[in-house]
């Protein structure tokens, strides 16, 4: 069964799947060749203002998550993104790639939870 996997783009172990970078900014030190992306969906990431406010501070994560979900619900590209992910999942795993150091508290984790909720 296919699933969405959240993968840090800097990790050496990269599972097979359709690769979508879900960061608004390109990850430092990663070449386009090394990234080996199928898609870069900049507009699905949190706004620059929200990203800067969060600043990857764990204590802000619950509020960040709530605000980012509100942004996803209001974002005009979200419905098409979810539809695209659903179509890709019919063929195999989908990888949400991100650059943040924190593997538990980042926008890709929130996005996966949101998309999963829309697909079920």
N, C-alpha and C. Protein backbone atom coordinates (compact mmCIF):
# COMPACT_ATOMS: atom_id res chain seq x y z
N UNK A 1 0.84 -1.19 0.00
CA UNK A 1 0.00 0.00 0.00
C UNK A 1 0.88 1.25 0.00
N UNK A 2 0.59 2.17 -0.86
CA UNK A 2 1.37 3.40 -0.98
C UNK A 2 1.06 4.34 0.18
N UNK A 3 2.07 5.16 0.52
CA UNK A 3 1.89 6.11 1.60
C UNK A 3 2.73 7.36 1.37
N UNK A 4 2.39 8.40 2.12
CA UNK A 4 3.18 9.62 2.13
C UNK A 4 4.26 9.44 3.18
N UNK A 5 5.50 9.72 2.80
CA UNK A 5 6.62 9.65 3.74
C UNK A 5 7.25 11.02 3.84
N UNK A 6 7.62 11.41 5.04
CA UNK A 6 8.26 12.70 5.29
C UNK A 6 9.75 12.43 5.45
N UNK A 7 10.55 13.01 4.55
CA UNK A 7 11.98 12.71 4.49
C UNK A 7 12.79 14.01 4.48
N UNK A 8 13.82 14.06 5.32
CA UNK A 8 14.73 15.21 5.30
C UNK A 8 15.62 15.08 4.06
N UNK A 9 15.69 16.12 3.27
CA UNK A 9 16.40 16.06 1.99
C UNK A 9 17.90 15.82 2.18
N UNK A 10 18.44 16.12 3.36
CA UNK A 10 19.86 15.92 3.64
C UNK A 10 20.19 14.49 4.05
N UNK A 11 19.18 13.67 4.35
CA UNK A 11 19.43 12.29 4.77
C UNK A 11 20.04 11.48 3.63
N UNK A 12 20.98 10.62 3.98
CA UNK A 12 21.63 9.80 2.96
C UNK A 12 20.71 8.69 2.47
N UNK A 13 19.92 8.14 3.37
CA UNK A 13 18.96 7.10 2.99
C UNK A 13 17.71 7.76 2.43
N UNK A 14 17.45 7.55 1.18
CA UNK A 14 16.28 8.14 0.53
C UNK A 14 15.45 7.01 -0.08
N UNK A 15 14.27 6.74 0.48
CA UNK A 15 13.43 5.68 -0.08
C UNK A 15 12.92 6.03 -1.47
N UNK A 16 12.43 5.02 -2.15
CA UNK A 16 11.85 5.22 -3.48
C UNK A 16 10.48 5.89 -3.36
N UNK A 17 10.17 6.71 -4.33
CA UNK A 17 8.88 7.36 -4.37
C UNK A 17 8.92 8.63 -5.19
N UNK A 18 7.75 9.22 -5.38
CA UNK A 18 7.61 10.48 -6.11
C UNK A 18 8.06 11.59 -5.18
N UNK A 19 9.09 12.34 -5.55
CA UNK A 19 9.79 13.28 -4.67
C UNK A 19 9.27 14.70 -4.85
N UNK A 20 8.67 15.24 -3.77
CA UNK A 20 8.14 16.61 -3.79
C UNK A 20 8.83 17.42 -2.69
N UNK A 21 9.54 18.47 -3.08
CA UNK A 21 10.09 19.40 -2.10
C UNK A 21 8.95 20.32 -1.66
N UNK A 22 8.67 20.35 -0.35
CA UNK A 22 7.53 21.12 0.15
C UNK A 22 7.97 22.36 0.92
N UNK A 23 9.23 22.75 0.79
CA UNK A 23 9.75 23.98 1.39
C UNK A 23 9.55 25.14 0.41
N UNK A 24 9.32 26.31 0.95
CA UNK A 24 9.20 27.50 0.12
C UNK A 24 10.57 27.95 -0.39
N UNK A 25 11.60 27.69 0.41
CA UNK A 25 12.98 28.06 0.05
C UNK A 25 13.77 26.82 -0.34
N UNK A 26 14.70 27.00 -1.27
CA UNK A 26 15.56 25.88 -1.67
C UNK A 26 16.51 25.56 -0.51
N UNK A 27 16.71 24.27 -0.19
CA UNK A 27 17.59 23.89 0.93
C UNK A 27 19.06 24.20 0.62
N UNK A 28 19.73 24.81 1.59
CA UNK A 28 21.14 25.19 1.41
C UNK A 28 22.01 23.98 1.16
N UNK A 29 22.94 24.16 0.23
CA UNK A 29 23.94 23.13 -0.02
C UNK A 29 23.46 21.94 -0.83
N UNK A 30 22.24 21.97 -1.30
CA UNK A 30 21.70 20.86 -2.10
C UNK A 30 21.60 21.32 -3.55
N UNK A 31 22.30 20.61 -4.43
CA UNK A 31 22.22 20.96 -5.85
C UNK A 31 20.93 20.39 -6.43
N UNK A 32 20.53 20.94 -7.54
CA UNK A 32 19.32 20.43 -8.21
C UNK A 32 19.51 18.97 -8.62
N UNK A 33 20.73 18.62 -9.01
CA UNK A 33 21.02 17.24 -9.40
C UNK A 33 20.89 16.31 -8.19
N UNK A 34 21.49 16.72 -7.07
CA UNK A 34 21.45 15.89 -5.86
C UNK A 34 20.03 15.77 -5.31
N UNK A 35 19.24 16.81 -5.45
CA UNK A 35 17.86 16.79 -4.93
C UNK A 35 17.02 15.76 -5.66
N UNK A 36 17.27 15.59 -6.93
CA UNK A 36 16.57 14.58 -7.75
C UNK A 36 15.05 14.67 -7.55
N UNK A 37 14.52 15.88 -7.73
CA UNK A 37 13.10 16.12 -7.47
C UNK A 37 12.23 15.77 -8.67
N UNK A 38 11.01 15.38 -8.35
CA UNK A 38 9.98 15.27 -9.37
C UNK A 38 9.17 16.57 -9.42
N UNK A 39 9.07 17.24 -8.26
CA UNK A 39 8.30 18.49 -8.15
C UNK A 39 8.87 19.35 -7.03
N UNK A 40 8.71 20.65 -7.17
CA UNK A 40 8.99 21.58 -6.07
C UNK A 40 7.74 22.43 -5.92
N UNK A 41 6.97 22.18 -4.88
CA UNK A 41 5.74 22.92 -4.63
C UNK A 41 5.96 24.00 -3.58
N UNK A 42 6.58 25.10 -4.01
CA UNK A 42 6.89 26.21 -3.11
C UNK A 42 5.64 26.76 -2.43
N UNK A 43 4.58 26.88 -3.20
CA UNK A 43 3.39 27.59 -2.70
C UNK A 43 2.60 26.81 -1.67
N UNK A 44 2.94 25.53 -1.46
CA UNK A 44 2.22 24.75 -0.45
C UNK A 44 2.87 24.94 0.93
N UNK A 45 4.07 25.48 0.96
CA UNK A 45 4.76 25.72 2.23
C UNK A 45 4.16 26.89 2.99
N UNK A 46 4.50 27.00 4.28
CA UNK A 46 3.99 28.14 5.06
C UNK A 46 4.54 29.46 4.51
N UNK A 47 3.81 30.53 4.76
CA UNK A 47 4.27 31.85 4.31
C UNK A 47 5.62 32.18 4.96
N UNK A 48 6.34 33.08 4.34
CA UNK A 48 7.62 33.51 4.90
C UNK A 48 7.45 34.07 6.30
N UNK A 49 6.37 34.82 6.51
CA UNK A 49 6.13 35.41 7.83
C UNK A 49 5.94 34.32 8.89
N UNK A 50 5.14 33.31 8.59
CA UNK A 50 4.92 32.23 9.55
C UNK A 50 6.19 31.42 9.76
N UNK A 51 6.90 31.15 8.70
CA UNK A 51 8.15 30.39 8.80
C UNK A 51 9.16 31.11 9.68
N UNK A 52 9.31 32.42 9.46
CA UNK A 52 10.26 33.20 10.27
C UNK A 52 9.81 33.28 11.72
N UNK A 53 8.51 33.45 11.94
CA UNK A 53 7.99 33.51 13.31
C UNK A 53 8.27 32.20 14.05
N UNK A 54 8.00 31.08 13.40
CA UNK A 54 8.20 29.76 14.02
C UNK A 54 9.67 29.53 14.35
N UNK A 55 10.54 29.81 13.41
CA UNK A 55 11.98 29.73 13.61
C UNK A 55 12.41 28.37 14.19
N UNK A 56 11.64 27.33 13.93
CA UNK A 56 11.92 25.96 14.39
C UNK A 56 12.09 25.87 15.91
N UNK A 57 11.31 26.68 16.63
CA UNK A 57 11.32 26.63 18.09
C UNK A 57 10.22 25.67 18.55
N UNK A 58 10.63 24.59 19.22
CA UNK A 58 9.70 23.53 19.60
C UNK A 58 8.49 24.03 20.39
N UNK A 59 8.69 25.01 21.26
CA UNK A 59 7.57 25.49 22.08
C UNK A 59 6.52 26.22 21.24
N UNK A 60 6.89 26.68 20.06
CA UNK A 60 5.94 27.36 19.17
C UNK A 60 5.22 26.39 18.23
N UNK A 61 5.63 25.13 18.22
CA UNK A 61 5.11 24.17 17.24
C UNK A 61 3.59 24.03 17.27
N UNK A 62 2.95 23.87 18.44
CA UNK A 62 1.48 23.72 18.40
C UNK A 62 0.78 24.90 17.73
N UNK A 63 1.23 26.12 18.03
CA UNK A 63 0.62 27.30 17.41
C UNK A 63 0.98 27.37 15.93
N UNK A 64 2.23 27.03 15.60
CA UNK A 64 2.65 26.99 14.19
C UNK A 64 1.76 26.03 13.41
N UNK A 65 1.56 24.84 13.96
CA UNK A 65 0.75 23.82 13.30
C UNK A 65 -0.66 24.34 13.03
N UNK A 66 -1.26 24.96 14.02
CA UNK A 66 -2.61 25.50 13.88
C UNK A 66 -2.66 26.59 12.79
N UNK A 67 -1.68 27.49 12.82
CA UNK A 67 -1.65 28.58 11.84
C UNK A 67 -1.38 28.05 10.43
N UNK A 68 -0.50 27.07 10.32
CA UNK A 68 -0.18 26.52 9.01
C UNK A 68 -1.38 25.77 8.43
N UNK A 69 -2.09 25.03 9.25
CA UNK A 69 -3.30 24.35 8.77
C UNK A 69 -4.32 25.37 8.28
N UNK A 70 -4.46 26.48 9.00
CA UNK A 70 -5.37 27.55 8.55
C UNK A 70 -4.92 28.09 7.19
N UNK A 71 -3.60 28.26 7.01
CA UNK A 71 -3.08 28.72 5.73
C UNK A 71 -3.37 27.71 4.63
N UNK A 72 -3.20 26.42 4.93
CA UNK A 72 -3.47 25.39 3.93
C UNK A 72 -4.93 25.42 3.50
N UNK A 73 -5.83 25.59 4.46
CA UNK A 73 -7.26 25.63 4.15
C UNK A 73 -7.62 26.83 3.28
N UNK A 74 -6.90 27.93 3.46
CA UNK A 74 -7.18 29.16 2.70
C UNK A 74 -6.38 29.25 1.40
N UNK A 75 -5.39 28.40 1.23
CA UNK A 75 -4.49 28.46 0.09
C UNK A 75 -5.20 27.94 -1.17
N UNK A 76 -5.26 28.73 -2.25
CA UNK A 76 -5.95 28.29 -3.46
C UNK A 76 -5.28 27.11 -4.17
N UNK A 77 -4.02 26.80 -3.87
CA UNK A 77 -3.36 25.67 -4.53
C UNK A 77 -3.51 24.35 -3.77
N UNK A 78 -4.04 24.41 -2.56
CA UNK A 78 -4.10 23.20 -1.72
C UNK A 78 -4.93 22.09 -2.33
N UNK A 79 -6.12 22.39 -2.83
CA UNK A 79 -6.99 21.35 -3.39
C UNK A 79 -6.31 20.62 -4.54
N UNK A 80 -5.66 21.36 -5.43
CA UNK A 80 -4.97 20.74 -6.56
C UNK A 80 -3.77 19.92 -6.07
N UNK A 81 -3.09 20.41 -5.04
CA UNK A 81 -1.96 19.67 -4.47
C UNK A 81 -2.42 18.33 -3.91
N UNK A 82 -3.50 18.35 -3.12
CA UNK A 82 -4.04 17.12 -2.53
C UNK A 82 -4.46 16.14 -3.63
N UNK A 83 -5.11 16.66 -4.66
CA UNK A 83 -5.55 15.81 -5.79
C UNK A 83 -4.34 15.18 -6.48
N UNK A 84 -3.30 15.97 -6.69
CA UNK A 84 -2.07 15.48 -7.33
C UNK A 84 -1.43 14.38 -6.48
N UNK A 85 -1.35 14.60 -5.17
CA UNK A 85 -0.77 13.60 -4.28
C UNK A 85 -1.59 12.31 -4.34
N UNK A 86 -2.90 12.44 -4.34
CA UNK A 86 -3.77 11.25 -4.41
C UNK A 86 -3.49 10.46 -5.69
N UNK A 87 -3.34 11.15 -6.81
CA UNK A 87 -3.04 10.48 -8.08
C UNK A 87 -1.68 9.79 -8.05
N UNK A 88 -0.70 10.44 -7.44
CA UNK A 88 0.64 9.85 -7.35
C UNK A 88 0.64 8.64 -6.42
N UNK A 89 -0.15 8.69 -5.35
CA UNK A 89 -0.23 7.57 -4.41
C UNK A 89 -0.80 6.31 -5.07
N UNK A 90 -1.61 6.49 -6.10
CA UNK A 90 -2.16 5.34 -6.83
C UNK A 90 -1.05 4.56 -7.54
N UNK A 91 0.09 5.22 -7.75
CA UNK A 91 1.21 4.59 -8.47
C UNK A 91 2.36 4.18 -7.56
N UNK A 92 2.40 4.72 -6.33
CA UNK A 92 3.50 4.41 -5.42
C UNK A 92 3.60 5.43 -4.30
N UNK A 93 4.65 5.31 -3.50
CA UNK A 93 4.85 6.22 -2.38
C UNK A 93 5.11 7.65 -2.87
N UNK A 94 4.73 8.61 -2.03
CA UNK A 94 5.02 10.02 -2.27
C UNK A 94 5.89 10.49 -1.12
N UNK A 95 7.00 11.15 -1.46
CA UNK A 95 7.93 11.65 -0.45
C UNK A 95 7.80 13.16 -0.34
N UNK A 96 7.47 13.64 0.86
CA UNK A 96 7.48 15.07 1.15
C UNK A 96 8.87 15.38 1.68
N UNK A 97 9.66 16.11 0.91
CA UNK A 97 11.03 16.45 1.27
C UNK A 97 11.09 17.84 1.88
N UNK A 98 11.92 17.98 2.91
CA UNK A 98 12.07 19.26 3.61
C UNK A 98 13.52 19.41 4.05
N UNK A 99 13.91 20.62 4.43
CA UNK A 99 15.29 20.87 4.82
C UNK A 99 15.52 21.08 6.30
N UNK A 100 14.49 21.27 7.10
CA UNK A 100 14.64 21.58 8.53
C UNK A 100 15.42 20.48 9.26
N UNK A 101 16.13 20.88 10.32
CA UNK A 101 16.90 19.91 11.12
C UNK A 101 15.99 19.06 11.99
N UNK A 102 14.91 19.65 12.50
CA UNK A 102 14.02 18.95 13.41
C UNK A 102 13.09 18.03 12.62
N UNK A 103 13.20 16.73 12.87
CA UNK A 103 12.42 15.76 12.10
C UNK A 103 11.00 15.59 12.62
N UNK A 104 10.70 16.07 13.82
CA UNK A 104 9.37 15.91 14.41
C UNK A 104 8.50 17.15 14.28
N UNK A 105 9.14 18.31 14.32
CA UNK A 105 8.40 19.58 14.34
C UNK A 105 8.79 20.43 13.13
N UNK A 106 8.14 20.17 12.00
CA UNK A 106 8.40 20.95 10.79
C UNK A 106 7.15 20.96 9.92
N UNK A 107 7.18 21.78 8.88
CA UNK A 107 5.98 21.95 8.06
C UNK A 107 5.63 20.70 7.27
N UNK A 108 6.59 19.88 6.91
CA UNK A 108 6.29 18.67 6.15
C UNK A 108 5.47 17.68 6.97
N UNK A 109 5.74 17.61 8.28
CA UNK A 109 4.97 16.75 9.17
C UNK A 109 3.52 17.23 9.23
N UNK A 110 3.34 18.54 9.37
CA UNK A 110 1.99 19.12 9.40
C UNK A 110 1.29 18.88 8.08
N UNK A 111 1.98 19.10 6.98
CA UNK A 111 1.40 18.92 5.65
C UNK A 111 0.96 17.47 5.45
N UNK A 112 1.78 16.52 5.86
CA UNK A 112 1.41 15.10 5.72
C UNK A 112 0.13 14.81 6.50
N UNK A 113 0.07 15.27 7.76
CA UNK A 113 -1.14 15.05 8.57
C UNK A 113 -2.36 15.66 7.89
N UNK A 114 -2.19 16.87 7.35
CA UNK A 114 -3.30 17.56 6.69
C UNK A 114 -3.75 16.79 5.45
N UNK A 115 -2.81 16.42 4.60
CA UNK A 115 -3.16 15.71 3.36
C UNK A 115 -3.79 14.36 3.70
N UNK A 116 -3.22 13.64 4.66
CA UNK A 116 -3.81 12.36 5.07
C UNK A 116 -5.26 12.55 5.50
N UNK A 117 -5.53 13.62 6.24
CA UNK A 117 -6.91 13.87 6.71
C UNK A 117 -7.85 14.18 5.55
N UNK A 118 -7.33 14.80 4.50
CA UNK A 118 -8.15 15.12 3.32
C UNK A 118 -8.41 13.88 2.46
N UNK A 119 -7.52 12.91 2.53
CA UNK A 119 -7.65 11.70 1.71
C UNK A 119 -8.52 10.64 2.37
N UNK A 120 -8.74 10.76 3.66
CA UNK A 120 -9.54 9.75 4.39
C UNK A 120 -10.96 10.20 4.64
